[in-house]
Protein backbone atom coordinates (compact mmCIF):
# COMPACT_ATOMS: atom_id res chain seq x y z
CA MET A 1 114.51 111.77 104.75
CA ALA A 2 112.97 114.38 107.06
CA ARG A 3 109.24 114.82 106.88
CA GLU A 4 107.98 118.37 106.47
CA THR A 5 105.24 119.55 108.77
CA PHE A 6 102.58 121.86 107.41
CA ARG A 7 100.79 124.11 109.84
CA MET A 8 97.88 126.28 108.81
CA THR A 9 97.89 129.57 110.68
CA ASP A 10 95.62 131.78 108.57
CA THR A 11 92.71 132.56 110.90
CA GLU A 12 90.32 133.47 108.09
CA VAL A 13 90.91 130.11 106.37
CA LEU A 14 90.65 128.20 109.65
CA ASN A 15 87.36 129.95 110.49
CA ALA A 16 85.95 129.03 107.07
CA ILE A 17 86.96 125.41 107.52
CA GLU A 18 85.42 125.37 110.99
CA CYS A 19 81.95 126.30 109.73
CA HIS A 20 81.94 124.80 106.23
CA THR A 21 79.23 122.26 107.12
CA THR A 22 76.98 124.41 109.32
CA LEU A 23 77.92 128.04 108.65
CA LYS A 24 77.52 130.49 111.54
CA ALA A 25 76.19 133.94 112.27
CA GLY A 26 78.59 136.70 111.30
CA ALA A 27 79.98 134.55 108.49
CA SER A 28 82.61 136.14 106.27
CA LYS A 29 82.49 136.00 102.49
CA LEU A 30 85.12 133.23 102.57
CA ASP A 31 83.00 131.29 105.10
CA LYS A 32 80.01 131.50 102.75
CA ILE A 33 82.03 130.58 99.65
CA LEU A 34 83.42 127.43 101.29
CA PHE A 35 79.98 126.56 102.70
CA VAL A 36 78.31 126.84 99.28
CA ALA A 37 81.15 124.97 97.56
CA ASP A 38 80.75 122.15 100.07
CA LYS A 39 77.02 121.88 99.40
CA ILE A 40 77.03 122.11 95.59
CA SER A 41 79.95 119.70 95.18
CA TRP A 42 78.55 117.15 97.64
CA ASP A 43 78.15 113.92 95.67
CA LEU A 44 74.89 112.60 97.08
CA PRO A 45 72.78 109.83 95.58
CA GLY A 46 69.35 110.84 94.31
CA GLU A 47 67.89 114.18 93.34
CA HIS A 48 68.73 117.27 95.35
CA PRO A 49 67.07 120.28 93.73
CA TYR A 50 68.61 122.67 96.24
CA GLN A 51 72.01 122.04 94.61
CA GLU A 52 70.83 123.29 91.21
CA ALA A 53 69.02 126.23 92.82
CA MET A 54 72.23 127.13 94.67
CA ARG A 55 74.23 126.94 91.44
CA GLU A 56 71.74 129.29 89.78
CA LYS A 57 72.20 131.81 92.61
CA ILE A 58 75.98 131.61 92.23
CA VAL A 59 75.72 132.23 88.49
CA ALA A 60 73.61 135.29 89.37
CA SER A 61 76.31 136.40 91.88
CA ASP A 62 73.90 135.96 94.80
CA LEU A 63 76.06 134.28 97.45
CA ASP A 64 73.69 134.96 100.34
CA GLY A 65 70.77 133.65 98.28
CA ALA A 66 72.70 130.42 97.60
CA VAL A 67 73.44 130.06 101.31
CA LEU A 68 69.82 130.67 102.26
CA ILE A 69 68.56 128.01 99.85
CA TYR A 70 70.49 125.33 101.73
CA LEU A 71 69.71 126.74 105.18
CA ASN A 72 66.00 126.76 104.29
CA HIS A 73 66.32 123.19 102.99
CA VAL A 74 67.63 122.04 106.37
CA TRP A 75 65.03 124.16 108.18
CA GLY A 76 62.30 122.42 106.20
CA GLN A 77 63.58 119.04 107.40
CA ARG A 78 64.19 120.04 111.02
CA ASN A 79 61.44 117.78 112.39
CA GLN A 80 62.98 114.74 110.70
CA LEU A 81 66.54 115.37 111.86
CA ARG A 82 68.03 114.32 115.17
CA LEU A 83 69.78 117.66 115.51
CA VAL A 84 70.08 120.93 113.65
CA HIS A 85 73.31 122.63 114.63
CA PRO A 86 72.72 125.88 116.54
CA TRP A 87 75.22 127.69 114.29
CA LEU A 88 73.11 126.82 111.25
CA LEU A 89 69.99 128.14 112.97
CA GLU A 90 71.76 131.36 113.97
CA ALA A 91 73.14 131.89 110.46
CA ARG A 92 69.68 131.40 108.97
CA GLU A 93 68.12 133.76 111.48
CA GLU A 94 70.71 136.40 110.70
CA LEU A 95 70.15 136.13 106.94
CA MET A 96 66.38 136.13 107.37
CA ASN A 97 66.43 139.24 109.56
CA GLY A 98 69.39 141.16 108.15
CA PRO A 99 69.19 144.39 106.17
CA GLU A 100 69.05 142.52 102.85
CA SER A 101 66.54 139.93 104.06
CA LYS A 102 63.63 141.23 101.98
CA ASP A 103 65.54 140.60 98.75
CA LEU A 104 66.83 137.23 99.99
CA LEU A 105 63.38 136.02 101.00
CA THR A 106 61.95 137.01 97.64
CA ASN A 107 64.79 135.47 95.64
CA SER A 108 65.50 132.33 97.66
CA SER A 109 62.23 130.68 96.75
CA ARG A 110 63.08 130.58 93.05
């Protein structure tokens, strides 16, 4: 029996997969959706309050706020990590300094 080969060619999907663990500056809505889904479905031992906070942002239809909660979580641990991916840093910087940053900064601390 011949084996079928599947080849993904959708650039938007491939880009989202590429940055689903780190995100990146200029992220599309699909990039952010996959990034948030990865973080809130991550089955980690122990308590991770950022996951619940991210879920609350999603319920409130605040995708960027959900993203920023995780990016700020990593930023807060940067001195304890061996490496923080440059894409993650650039994505955080973009969200912190973008046109909607005032609302995000106010709402991401909840």
